[in-house]
Amino acid sequence: MVASQHSNNVTVFRVDPEAEILFYTGESVDILKPVCLQFLSR
């Protein structure tokens, strides 16, 4: 996931671990000025 403060969205990418390349998944969420992402474990 990438938080883009200036474009007001969070975009989801998939990582290809073998090629070490990011691929856009086509998914994004509009959020006003996101500046960070926090992942919580349960």
N, C-alpha and C. Protein backbone atom coordinates (compact mmCIF):
# COMPACT_ATOMS: atom_id res chain seq x y z
N MET A 1 0.84 -1.16 0.00
CA MET A 1 0.00 0.00 0.00
C MET A 1 0.89 1.24 0.00
N VAL A 2 0.41 2.26 -0.70
CA VAL A 2 1.12 3.53 -0.75
C VAL A 2 0.15 4.64 -0.40
N ALA A 3 0.48 5.43 0.62
CA ALA A 3 -0.33 6.59 0.99
C ALA A 3 0.20 7.80 0.23
N SER A 4 -0.65 8.41 -0.57
CA SER A 4 -0.25 9.56 -1.40
C SER A 4 -0.94 10.82 -0.89
N GLN A 5 -0.22 11.56 -0.07
CA GLN A 5 -0.78 12.74 0.57
C GLN A 5 -1.25 13.78 -0.45
N HIS A 6 -0.50 13.98 -1.53
CA HIS A 6 -0.83 15.03 -2.49
C HIS A 6 -1.93 14.64 -3.47
N SER A 7 -2.14 13.34 -3.69
CA SER A 7 -3.22 12.93 -4.58
C SER A 7 -4.43 12.40 -3.80
N ASN A 8 -4.35 12.45 -2.47
CA ASN A 8 -5.47 12.10 -1.60
C ASN A 8 -6.00 10.68 -1.81
N ASN A 9 -5.08 9.70 -1.84
CA ASN A 9 -5.55 8.33 -1.94
C ASN A 9 -4.53 7.35 -1.37
N VAL A 10 -4.98 6.13 -1.16
CA VAL A 10 -4.11 5.01 -0.79
C VAL A 10 -4.25 3.98 -1.89
N THR A 11 -3.14 3.57 -2.46
CA THR A 11 -3.12 2.67 -3.60
C THR A 11 -2.52 1.33 -3.17
N VAL A 12 -3.08 0.24 -3.69
CA VAL A 12 -2.63 -1.11 -3.33
C VAL A 12 -1.77 -1.68 -4.46
N PHE A 13 -0.61 -2.22 -4.07
CA PHE A 13 0.30 -2.87 -5.00
C PHE A 13 0.55 -4.30 -4.55
N ARG A 14 0.91 -5.15 -5.49
CA ARG A 14 1.31 -6.53 -5.21
C ARG A 14 2.81 -6.61 -5.45
N VAL A 15 3.51 -7.35 -4.61
CA VAL A 15 4.96 -7.50 -4.75
C VAL A 15 5.27 -8.86 -5.37
N ASP A 16 6.07 -8.85 -6.44
CA ASP A 16 6.59 -10.09 -7.00
C ASP A 16 7.96 -10.30 -6.34
N PRO A 17 8.05 -11.22 -5.38
CA PRO A 17 9.29 -11.38 -4.62
C PRO A 17 10.47 -11.87 -5.46
N GLU A 18 10.21 -12.63 -6.50
CA GLU A 18 11.31 -13.13 -7.33
C GLU A 18 11.91 -12.03 -8.20
N ALA A 19 11.04 -11.23 -8.82
CA ALA A 19 11.51 -10.16 -9.71
C ALA A 19 11.75 -8.85 -8.96
N GLU A 20 11.31 -8.79 -7.68
CA GLU A 20 11.43 -7.58 -6.86
C GLU A 20 10.79 -6.38 -7.55
N ILE A 21 9.56 -6.59 -8.06
CA ILE A 21 8.83 -5.56 -8.79
C ILE A 21 7.46 -5.39 -8.15
N LEU A 22 6.97 -4.14 -8.12
CA LEU A 22 5.62 -3.86 -7.66
C LEU A 22 4.66 -3.84 -8.84
N PHE A 23 3.45 -4.37 -8.64
CA PHE A 23 2.42 -4.35 -9.67
C PHE A 23 1.18 -3.68 -9.09
N TYR A 24 0.63 -2.72 -9.81
CA TYR A 24 -0.60 -2.04 -9.40
C TYR A 24 -1.75 -3.03 -9.48
N THR A 25 -2.54 -3.14 -8.42
CA THR A 25 -3.65 -4.10 -8.38
C THR A 25 -4.93 -3.54 -8.98
N GLY A 26 -4.97 -2.24 -9.23
CA GLY A 26 -6.19 -1.61 -9.72
C GLY A 26 -7.08 -1.14 -8.59
N GLU A 27 -6.62 -1.32 -7.37
CA GLU A 27 -7.41 -0.93 -6.20
C GLU A 27 -6.81 0.31 -5.55
N SER A 28 -7.69 1.25 -5.21
CA SER A 28 -7.28 2.42 -4.44
C SER A 28 -8.47 2.95 -3.68
N VAL A 29 -8.19 3.72 -2.64
CA VAL A 29 -9.23 4.31 -1.80
C VAL A 29 -8.94 5.80 -1.68
N ASP A 30 -9.95 6.64 -1.90
CA ASP A 30 -9.78 8.07 -1.73
C ASP A 30 -9.87 8.42 -0.25
N ILE A 31 -8.81 9.03 0.26
CA ILE A 31 -8.74 9.45 1.66
C ILE A 31 -8.07 10.83 1.67
N LEU A 32 -8.62 11.75 2.43
CA LEU A 32 -8.10 13.10 2.48
C LEU A 32 -6.73 13.14 3.16
N LYS A 33 -5.71 13.48 2.40
CA LYS A 33 -4.33 13.67 2.87
C LYS A 33 -3.78 12.56 3.77
N PRO A 34 -3.74 11.32 3.29
CA PRO A 34 -3.15 10.26 4.10
C PRO A 34 -1.64 10.49 4.24
N VAL A 35 -1.11 10.29 5.41
CA VAL A 35 0.32 10.51 5.62
C VAL A 35 1.07 9.27 6.11
N CYS A 36 0.33 8.26 6.58
CA CYS A 36 1.00 7.05 7.02
C CYS A 36 0.01 5.89 7.00
N LEU A 37 0.54 4.68 7.08
CA LEU A 37 -0.29 3.48 7.16
C LEU A 37 0.15 2.71 8.40
N GLN A 38 -0.81 2.16 9.12
CA GLN A 38 -0.51 1.37 10.31
C GLN A 38 -1.17 0.02 10.17
N PHE A 39 -0.41 -1.04 10.34
CA PHE A 39 -0.91 -2.40 10.26
C PHE A 39 -0.95 -2.98 11.66
N LEU A 40 -2.08 -3.50 12.05
CA LEU A 40 -2.24 -4.08 13.37
C LEU A 40 -2.34 -5.59 13.27
N SER A 41 -1.64 -6.29 14.15
CA SER A 41 -1.76 -7.74 14.18
C SER A 41 -2.75 -8.11 15.27
N ARG A 42 -3.41 -9.21 15.06
CA ARG A 42 -4.41 -9.64 16.04
C ARG A 42 -3.94 -10.84 16.79
